[in-house]
């Protein structure tokens, strides 16, 4: 009889230990899932912080890419310097001004008449395209005047 009671107690303890182990395994698995989620969330947060810092740097770069409209007062002076370097005569006029919007830059139209040798005019145009200003050329007109050429250029220079 004692063996029977001892066997029943042993079966009961084994069943209780088995149930307790299952409960603990389930708890460990849930803790492991929570830890994995928290680890992923921490990695995502670190990525977002570094991406935010990079976005701030990129934004500053883009904001400084285009000059302010006040700085465009130097545009004709800079072009005049390019004209002198490339040995061409230049007449410059600003045209209409369009303010920028939330998603579009502002711009000021311009008209340029350049006179000189063809290679010098082409070098001047290349220098214009390589300058610090972002421009769009809308129309070219190239004519011959004896040995010299004349180029009339209509375009826009963009600003913030």
C-alpha atoms as a PDB file:
ATOM      1  CA  UNK A   1       0.000   0.000   0.000  1.00  0.00           C
ATOM      2  CA  UNK A   2       2.817   2.323   0.794  1.00  0.00           C
ATOM      3  CA  UNK A   3       4.228   1.611  -2.631  1.00  0.00           C
ATOM      4  CA  UNK A   4       0.950   2.518  -4.184  1.00  0.00           C
ATOM      5  CA  UNK A   5       0.780   5.806  -2.288  1.00  0.00           C
ATOM      6  CA  UNK A   6       4.416   6.464  -3.081  1.00  0.00           C
ATOM      7  CA  UNK A   7       3.787   5.694  -6.754  1.00  0.00           C
ATOM      8  CA  UNK A   8       0.740   7.990  -6.791  1.00  0.00           C
ATOM      9  CA  UNK A   9       2.721  10.787  -5.139  1.00  0.00           C
ATOM     10  CA  UNK A  10       5.550  10.240  -7.596  1.00  0.00           C
ATOM     11  CA  UNK A  11       3.132  10.332 -10.552  1.00  0.00           C
ATOM     12  CA  UNK A  12       1.512  13.485  -9.140  1.00  0.00           C
ATOM     13  CA  UNK A  13       4.859  15.215  -8.612  1.00  0.00           C
ATOM     14  CA  UNK A  14       5.994  14.223 -12.108  1.00  0.00           C
ATOM     15  CA  UNK A  15       2.736  15.521 -13.618  1.00  0.00           C
ATOM     16  CA  UNK A  16       3.021  18.775 -11.611  1.00  0.00           C
ATOM     17  CA  UNK A  17       6.695  19.189 -12.618  1.00  0.00           C
ATOM     18  CA  UNK A  18       5.784  18.508 -16.262  1.00  0.00           C
ATOM     19  CA  UNK A  19       3.034  21.149 -16.142  1.00  0.00           C
ATOM     20  CA  UNK A  20       5.356  23.624 -14.391  1.00  0.00           C
ATOM     21  CA  UNK A  21       8.116  22.989 -16.966  1.00  0.00           C
ATOM     22  CA  UNK A  22       5.655  23.550 -19.836  1.00  0.00           C
ATOM     23  CA  UNK A  23       4.543  26.789 -18.236  1.00  0.00           C
ATOM     24  CA  UNK A  24       8.138  27.913 -17.787  1.00  0.00           C
ATOM     25  CA  UNK A  25       9.056  26.950 -21.371  1.00  0.00           C
ATOM     26  CA  UNK A  26       6.097  28.972 -22.619  1.00  0.00           C
ATOM     27  CA  UNK A  27       7.202  31.916 -20.482  1.00  0.00           C
ATOM     28  CA  UNK A  28      10.784  31.637 -21.780  1.00  0.00           C
ATOM     29  CA  UNK A  29       9.549  31.527 -25.379  1.00  0.00           C
ATOM     30  CA  UNK A  30       7.403  34.629 -24.813  1.00  0.00           C
ATOM     31  CA  UNK A  31      10.348  36.445 -23.196  1.00  0.00           C
ATOM     32  CA  UNK A  32      12.535  35.481 -26.161  1.00  0.00           C
ATOM     33  CA  UNK A  33       9.933  36.909 -28.588  1.00  0.00           C
ATOM     34  CA  UNK A  34       9.724  40.121 -26.539  1.00  0.00           C
ATOM     35  CA  UNK A  35      13.523  40.423 -26.492  1.00  0.00           C
ATOM     36  CA  UNK A  36      13.717  39.889 -30.264  1.00  0.00           C
ATOM     37  CA  UNK A  37      11.040  42.549 -30.818  1.00  0.00           C
ATOM     38  CA  UNK A  38      12.797  45.029 -28.519  1.00  0.00           C
ATOM     39  CA  UNK A  39      16.121  44.352 -30.208  1.00  0.00           C
ATOM     40  CA  UNK A  40      14.563  44.982 -33.649  1.00  0.00           C
ATOM     41  CA  UNK A  41      12.897  48.130 -32.359  1.00  0.00           C
ATOM     42  CA  UNK A  42      16.223  49.376 -30.951  1.00  0.00           C
ATOM     43  CA  UNK A  43      17.978  48.717 -34.271  1.00  0.00           C
ATOM     44  CA  UNK A  44      15.196  50.517 -36.154  1.00  0.00           C
ATOM     45  CA  UNK A  45      15.451  53.471 -33.776  1.00  0.00           C
ATOM     46  CA  UNK A  46      19.231  53.691 -34.290  1.00  0.00           C
ATOM     47  CA  UNK A  47      18.736  53.518 -38.064  1.00  0.00           C
ATOM     48  CA  UNK A  48      16.095  56.249 -37.960  1.00  0.00           C
ATOM     49  CA  UNK A  49      18.316  58.467 -35.832  1.00  0.00           C
ATOM     50  CA  UNK A  50      21.242  58.098 -38.229  1.00  0.00           C
ATOM     51  CA  UNK A  51      18.938  58.557 -41.246  1.00  0.00           C
ATOM     52  CA  UNK A  52      17.540  61.699 -39.606  1.00  0.00           C
ATOM     53  CA  UNK A  53      21.030  63.076 -39.107  1.00  0.00           C
ATOM     54  CA  UNK A  54      21.905  62.294 -42.737  1.00  0.00           C
ATOM     55  CA  UNK A  55      18.637  63.875 -43.891  1.00  0.00           C
ATOM     56  CA  UNK A  56      19.531  67.058 -42.001  1.00  0.00           C
ATOM     57  CA  UNK A  57      22.940  67.133 -43.704  1.00  0.00           C
ATOM     58  CA  UNK A  58      21.334  66.479 -47.107  1.00  0.00           C
ATOM     59  CA  UNK A  59      18.721  69.169 -46.507  1.00  0.00           C
ATOM     60  CA  UNK A  60      21.399  71.701 -45.627  1.00  0.00           C
ATOM     61  CA  UNK A  61      23.295  70.749 -48.793  1.00  0.00           C
ATOM     62  CA  UNK A  62      20.177  71.160 -50.930  1.00  0.00           C
ATOM     63  CA  UNK A  63      19.266  74.458 -49.312  1.00  0.00           C
ATOM     64  CA  UNK A  64      22.744  75.771 -50.082  1.00  0.00           C
ATOM     65  CA  UNK A  65      22.748  74.337 -53.601  1.00  0.00           C
ATOM     66  CA  UNK A  66      20.639  77.208 -54.897  1.00  0.00           C
ATOM     67  CA  UNK A  67      21.571  80.762 -54.008  1.00  0.00           C
ATOM     68  CA  UNK A  68      19.056  83.080 -52.435  1.00  0.00           C
ATOM     69  CA  UNK A  69      17.520  85.650 -54.773  1.00  0.00           C
ATOM     70  CA  UNK A  70      19.616  88.331 -53.063  1.00  0.00           C
ATOM     71  CA  UNK A  71      22.772  86.464 -54.094  1.00  0.00           C
ATOM     72  CA  UNK A  72      21.706  86.451 -57.764  1.00  0.00           C
ATOM     73  CA  UNK A  73      22.841  90.078 -57.936  1.00  0.00           C
ATOM     74  CA  UNK A  74      26.337  88.559 -58.425  1.00  0.00           C
ATOM     75  CA  UNK A  75      25.194  86.455 -61.396  1.00  0.00           C
ATOM     76  CA  UNK A  76      25.890  89.098 -64.082  1.00  0.00           C
ATOM     77  CA  UNK A  77      29.235  89.939 -62.458  1.00  0.00           C
ATOM     78  CA  UNK A  78      30.265  86.280 -62.490  1.00  0.00           C
ATOM     79  CA  UNK A  79      29.215  85.932 -66.132  1.00  0.00           C
ATOM     80  CA  UNK A  80      31.157  89.066 -66.998  1.00  0.00           C
ATOM     81  CA  UNK A  81      34.236  87.487 -65.456  1.00  0.00           C
ATOM     82  CA  UNK A  82      33.674  84.338 -67.538  1.00  0.00           C
ATOM     83  CA  UNK A  83      33.255  86.492 -70.646  1.00  0.00           C
ATOM     84  CA  UNK A  84      36.570  88.238 -70.003  1.00  0.00           C
ATOM     85  CA  UNK A  85      38.366  84.944 -69.380  1.00  0.00           C
ATOM     86  CA  UNK A  86      36.990  83.513 -72.640  1.00  0.00           C
ATOM     87  CA  UNK A  87      37.612  86.738 -74.607  1.00  0.00           C
ATOM     88  CA  UNK A  88      34.036  87.486 -75.651  1.00  0.00           C
ATOM     89  CA  UNK A  89      31.948  90.641 -75.389  1.00  0.00           C
ATOM     90  CA  UNK A  90      28.768  90.213 -73.392  1.00  0.00           C
ATOM     91  CA  UNK A  91      25.567  92.205 -72.850  1.00  0.00           C
ATOM     92  CA  UNK A  92      23.358  90.968 -70.032  1.00  0.00           C
ATOM     93  CA  UNK A  93      19.777  91.763 -68.963  1.00  0.00           C
ATOM     94  CA  UNK A  94      17.629  90.264 -66.257  1.00  0.00           C
ATOM     95  CA  UNK A  95      14.056  89.407 -67.218  1.00  0.00           C
ATOM     96  CA  UNK A  96      10.996  88.430 -65.207  1.00  0.00           C
ATOM     97  CA  UNK A  97      11.336  87.103 -61.704  1.00  0.00           C
ATOM     98  CA  UNK A  98       9.241  84.178 -60.438  1.00  0.00           C
ATOM     99  CA  UNK A  99       9.209  83.412 -56.713  1.00  0.00           C
ATOM    100  CA  UNK A 100       9.659  79.819 -55.594  1.00  0.00           C
ATOM    101  CA  UNK A 101       6.940  77.683 -54.116  1.00  0.00           C
ATOM    102  CA  UNK A 102       6.980  74.962 -51.499  1.00  0.00           C
ATOM    103  CA  UNK A 103       8.228  72.349 -53.976  1.00  0.00           C
ATOM    104  CA  UNK A 104       9.640  74.495 -56.794  1.00  0.00           C
ATOM    105  CA  UNK A 105      12.603  76.856 -56.852  1.00  0.00           C
ATOM    106  CA  UNK A 106      12.318  80.493 -57.770  1.00  0.00           C
ATOM    107  CA  UNK A 107      13.959  81.768 -60.930  1.00  0.00           C
ATOM    108  CA  UNK A 108      14.851  84.913 -62.814  1.00  0.00           C
ATOM    109  CA  UNK A 109      14.871  85.002 -66.594  1.00  0.00           C
ATOM    110  CA  UNK A 110      17.902  86.436 -68.374  1.00  0.00           C
ATOM    111  CA  UNK A 111      18.973  87.450 -71.873  1.00  0.00           C
ATOM    112  CA  UNK A 112      22.595  87.409 -72.963  1.00  0.00           C
ATOM    113  CA  UNK A 113      24.196  88.545 -76.196  1.00  0.00           C
ATOM    114  CA  UNK A 114      27.736  87.264 -76.647  1.00  0.00           C
ATOM    115  CA  UNK A 115      30.054  88.315 -79.489  1.00  0.00           C
ATOM    116  CA  UNK A 116      33.392  86.817 -80.417  1.00  0.00           C
ATOM    117  CA  UNK A 117      35.086  83.925 -82.133  1.00  0.00           C
ATOM    118  CA  UNK A 118      33.085  80.707 -82.283  1.00  0.00           C
ATOM    119  CA  UNK A 119      35.470  78.695 -80.075  1.00  0.00           C
ATOM    120  CA  UNK A 120      35.506  81.472 -77.484  1.00  0.00           C
ATOM    121  CA  UNK A 121      31.697  81.586 -77.441  1.00  0.00           C
ATOM    122  CA  UNK A 122      31.531  77.796 -77.021  1.00  0.00           C
ATOM    123  CA  UNK A 123      34.095  77.944 -74.214  1.00  0.00           C
ATOM    124  CA  UNK A 124      32.041  80.692 -72.549  1.00  0.00           C
ATOM    125  CA  UNK A 125      28.896  78.529 -72.741  1.00  0.00           C
ATOM    126  CA  UNK A 126      30.749  75.553 -71.251  1.00  0.00           C
ATOM    127  CA  UNK A 127      32.028  77.794 -68.458  1.00  0.00           C
ATOM    128  CA  UNK A 128      28.483  79.017 -67.817  1.00  0.00           C
ATOM    129  CA  UNK A 129      27.209  75.445 -67.536  1.00  0.00           C
ATOM    130  CA  UNK A 130      30.039  74.594 -65.143  1.00  0.00           C
ATOM    131  CA  UNK A 131      29.453  77.606 -62.913  1.00  0.00           C
ATOM    132  CA  UNK A 132      27.946  77.475 -59.429  1.00  0.00           C
ATOM    133  CA  UNK A 133      24.556  78.589 -60.741  1.00  0.00           C
ATOM    134  CA  UNK A 134      21.798  76.231 -61.792  1.00  0.00           C
ATOM    135  CA  UNK A 135      20.514  77.463 -65.143  1.00  0.00           C
ATOM    136  CA  UNK A 136      18.147  76.450 -67.873  1.00  0.00           C
ATOM    137  CA  UNK A 137      18.722  77.656 -71.417  1.00  0.00           C
ATOM    138  CA  UNK A 138      15.469  78.181 -73.299  1.00  0.00           C
ATOM    139  CA  UNK A 139      16.703  79.484 -76.647  1.00  0.00           C
ATOM    140  CA  UNK A 140      19.940  79.955 -78.580  1.00  0.00           C
ATOM    141  CA  UNK A 141      20.426  81.968 -81.707  1.00  0.00           C
ATOM    142  CA  UNK A 142      23.832  81.941 -83.351  1.00  0.00           C
ATOM    143  CA  UNK A 143      24.596  84.292 -86.241  1.00  0.00           C
ATOM    144  CA  UNK A 144      27.731  85.148 -88.197  1.00  0.00           C
ATOM    145  CA  UNK A 145      29.004  88.726 -88.477  1.00  0.00           C
ATOM    146  CA  UNK A 146      32.083  88.649 -90.691  1.00  0.00           C
ATOM    147  CA  UNK A 147      34.790  86.721 -88.804  1.00  0.00           C
ATOM    148  CA  UNK A 148      32.930  86.944 -85.528  1.00  0.00           C
ATOM    149  CA  UNK A 149      29.828  85.247 -84.267  1.00  0.00           C
ATOM    150  CA  UNK A 150      26.985  86.475 -82.124  1.00  0.00           C
ATOM    151  CA  UNK A 151      25.004  84.243 -79.780  1.00  0.00           C
ATOM    152  CA  UNK A 152      21.740  85.343 -78.214  1.00  0.00           C
ATOM    153  CA  UNK A 153      20.773  83.209 -75.237  1.00  0.00           C
ATOM    154  CA  UNK A 154      17.535  83.251 -73.268  1.00  0.00           C
ATOM    155  CA  UNK A 155      17.354  81.311 -70.039  1.00  0.00           C
ATOM    156  CA  UNK A 156      16.586  81.172 -66.351  1.00  0.00           C
ATOM    157  CA  UNK A 157      18.778  81.083 -63.291  1.00  0.00           C
ATOM    158  CA  UNK A 158      17.250  79.317 -60.289  1.00  0.00           C
ATOM    159  CA  UNK A 159      17.205  80.432 -56.672  1.00  0.00           C
ATOM    160  CA  UNK A 160      15.732  79.417 -53.334  1.00  0.00           C
END
